[in-house]
Amino acid sequence: MAGKSSGKELTDLPGVGTATAKKLKDAGLNTVAKIRKAGRDGLTAAGISAPTAARILKGMAQEAGSKATTAAKNATKKVSETAAKTVKQASKTAAKTAAKAAVKQSVKKVVQRAGRTDRKVLSAKEEGRKGKTLKTPSLKDILKSRKK
């Protein structure tokens, strides 16, 4: 079974049919790496004609080039996707930071405004009171003031 699968691998190469694959196997060139290492001279020594050997090696080189191109495209795509994710994350982080800063500023303003009193505090004489004790409104008075 192992011989058949290596034969199929060889016949996938351009210019290699079943007869050429058999010649290559008989010469001990049963893998793509061994064929590449053997070169043109090794293929002609295995009984393959020089033009066929050249076609096989050229096809292997083109296949390797297309694999490298595909790998480069995939790497470029992966890098651009990673960069896009990083930019998206950075923008989210910046938006969160800006939102937190805006909330802090608005809280500061509210706290500053709460510290100020818009009403003038009247002294005891100005309110018409005699002593320093403040007059506490009754529940009835508070409810009346809310209805208005």
Protein backbone atom coordinates (compact mmCIF):
# COMPACT_ATOMS: atom_id res chain seq x y z
CA MET A 1 0.00 0.00 0.00
CA ALA A 2 2.83 2.41 0.79
CA GLY A 3 4.24 1.99 -2.74
CA LYS A 4 0.91 2.84 -4.31
CA SER A 5 0.48 6.05 -2.33
CA SER A 6 4.01 7.21 -3.19
CA GLY A 7 3.28 6.45 -6.85
CA LYS A 8 0.20 8.64 -6.70
CA GLU A 9 2.29 11.43 -5.22
CA LEU A 10 4.74 11.17 -8.07
CA THR A 11 2.04 11.11 -10.74
CA ASP A 12 0.70 14.39 -9.35
CA LEU A 13 3.87 16.07 -10.61
CA PRO A 14 3.68 17.62 -14.08
CA GLY A 15 5.19 15.39 -16.77
CA VAL A 16 5.10 12.24 -14.59
CA GLY A 17 2.84 9.46 -15.70
CA THR A 18 2.67 5.88 -14.47
CA ALA A 19 5.65 4.73 -16.56
CA THR A 20 7.83 7.65 -15.44
CA ALA A 21 6.76 7.13 -11.84
CA LYS A 22 7.82 3.46 -12.11
CA LYS A 23 11.25 4.49 -13.46
CA LEU A 24 11.65 6.99 -10.62
CA LYS A 25 10.68 4.39 -7.97
CA ASP A 26 13.07 1.83 -9.44
CA ALA A 27 15.87 4.42 -9.20
CA GLY A 28 15.02 5.06 -5.55
CA LEU A 29 13.50 8.51 -6.20
CA ASN A 30 10.15 7.86 -4.53
CA THR A 31 9.61 11.28 -2.89
CA VAL A 32 9.44 14.81 -4.19
CA ALA A 33 12.36 15.82 -1.97
CA LYS A 34 14.58 13.07 -3.44
CA ILE A 35 13.65 14.11 -6.99
CA ARG A 36 14.45 17.75 -6.20
CA LYS A 37 17.79 16.71 -4.65
CA ALA A 38 18.68 14.50 -7.63
CA GLY A 39 18.22 17.34 -10.11
CA ARG A 40 18.36 17.02 -13.87
CA ASP A 41 21.39 14.74 -13.90
CA GLY A 42 19.87 12.35 -11.35
CA LEU A 43 16.64 12.13 -13.34
CA THR A 44 18.45 11.40 -16.61
CA ALA A 45 20.53 8.76 -14.80
CA ALA A 46 17.21 7.18 -13.70
CA GLY A 47 16.27 6.72 -17.38
CA ILE A 48 14.14 9.81 -17.93
CA SER A 49 14.76 11.97 -21.00
CA ALA A 50 16.34 15.41 -20.51
CA PRO A 51 13.25 17.38 -21.73
CA THR A 52 10.96 15.39 -19.41
CA ALA A 53 13.36 15.90 -16.50
CA ALA A 54 13.40 19.63 -17.23
CA ARG A 55 9.57 19.70 -17.35
CA ILE A 56 9.33 17.83 -14.02
CA LEU A 57 11.78 20.17 -12.29
CA LYS A 58 10.16 23.26 -13.78
CA GLY A 59 6.71 22.09 -12.63
CA MET A 60 8.04 21.43 -9.13
CA ALA A 61 9.57 24.89 -9.00
CA GLN A 62 6.32 26.51 -10.17
CA GLU A 63 4.35 24.51 -7.62
CA ALA A 64 6.74 25.57 -4.88
CA GLY A 65 6.45 29.18 -6.05
CA SER A 66 2.66 29.07 -6.05
CA LYS A 67 2.70 27.53 -2.56
CA ALA A 68 5.01 30.31 -1.38
CA THR A 69 2.76 32.94 -2.96
CA THR A 70 -0.29 31.43 -1.31
CA ALA A 71 1.49 31.28 2.04
CA ALA A 72 2.55 34.93 1.66
CA LYS A 73 -1.01 35.98 0.81
CA ASN A 74 -2.36 34.08 3.80
CA ALA A 75 0.25 35.64 6.08
CA THR A 76 -0.57 39.12 4.75
CA LYS A 77 -4.28 38.49 5.27
CA LYS A 78 -3.68 37.25 8.81
CA VAL A 79 -1.53 40.28 9.64
CA SER A 80 -4.15 42.68 8.28
CA GLU A 81 -6.91 40.92 10.23
CA THR A 82 -4.83 41.09 13.40
CA ALA A 83 -4.13 44.78 12.78
CA ALA A 84 -7.83 45.45 12.22
CA LYS A 85 -8.69 43.68 15.48
CA THR A 86 -6.02 45.68 17.31
CA VAL A 87 -7.34 48.96 15.91
CA LYS A 88 -10.89 48.01 16.84
CA GLN A 89 -9.83 47.11 20.37
CA ALA A 90 -7.83 50.33 20.70
CA SER A 91 -10.78 52.42 19.55
CA LYS A 92 -13.07 50.67 22.04
CA THR A 93 -10.55 51.29 24.82
CA ALA A 94 -10.20 54.93 23.80
CA ALA A 95 -13.99 55.34 23.74
CA LYS A 96 -14.29 53.78 27.20
CA THR A 97 -11.52 56.01 28.53
CA ALA A 98 -13.16 59.10 27.02
CA ALA A 99 -16.53 58.09 28.49
CA LYS A 100 -14.97 57.59 31.93
CA ALA A 101 -13.29 60.99 31.71
CA ALA A 102 -16.58 62.64 30.70
CA VAL A 103 -18.38 60.98 33.61
CA LYS A 104 -15.65 62.12 36.02
CA GLN A 105 -15.95 65.70 34.77
CA SER A 106 -19.73 65.71 35.07
CA VAL A 107 -19.51 64.25 38.58
CA LYS A 108 -17.00 66.95 39.53
CA LYS A 109 -19.36 69.64 38.24
CA VAL A 110 -22.29 68.16 40.15
CA VAL A 111 -20.22 67.97 43.33
CA GLN A 112 -19.06 71.56 42.88
CA ARG A 113 -22.60 72.75 42.30
CA ALA A 114 -23.86 70.78 45.30
CA GLY A 115 -21.27 72.48 47.49
CA ARG A 116 -22.57 75.91 46.51
CA THR A 117 -25.81 77.21 47.90
CA ASP A 118 -27.93 79.38 45.72
CA ARG A 119 -29.97 80.53 48.71
CA LYS A 120 -28.74 83.21 50.96
CA VAL A 121 -28.52 82.08 54.56
CA LEU A 122 -30.34 84.62 56.66
CA SER A 123 -29.25 85.48 60.11
CA ALA A 124 -31.63 85.11 63.04
CA LYS A 125 -32.54 88.79 62.96
CA GLU A 126 -33.26 88.81 59.24
CA GLU A 127 -35.62 85.85 59.53
CA GLY A 128 -37.50 87.48 62.35
CA ARG A 129 -36.37 84.99 64.98
CA LYS A 130 -35.19 85.89 68.41
CA GLY A 131 -32.78 83.09 69.23
CA LYS A 132 -30.38 80.83 67.32
CA THR A 133 -32.75 77.89 67.25
CA LEU A 134 -34.08 77.13 63.78
CA LYS A 135 -37.77 76.70 63.26
CA THR A 136 -38.53 73.17 62.00
CA PRO A 137 -41.45 72.90 59.58
CA SER A 138 -44.17 70.43 60.40
CA LEU A 139 -45.02 67.49 58.18
CA LYS A 140 -48.18 69.27 57.11
CA ASP A 141 -46.16 72.30 55.94
CA ILE A 142 -43.73 70.10 54.01
CA LEU A 143 -46.53 68.32 52.18
CA LYS A 144 -48.18 71.62 51.31
CA SER A 145 -44.93 72.97 49.85
CA ARG A 146 -44.53 69.88 47.67
CA LYS A 147 -48.02 70.19 46.21
CA LYS A 148 -47.28 73.67 44.91
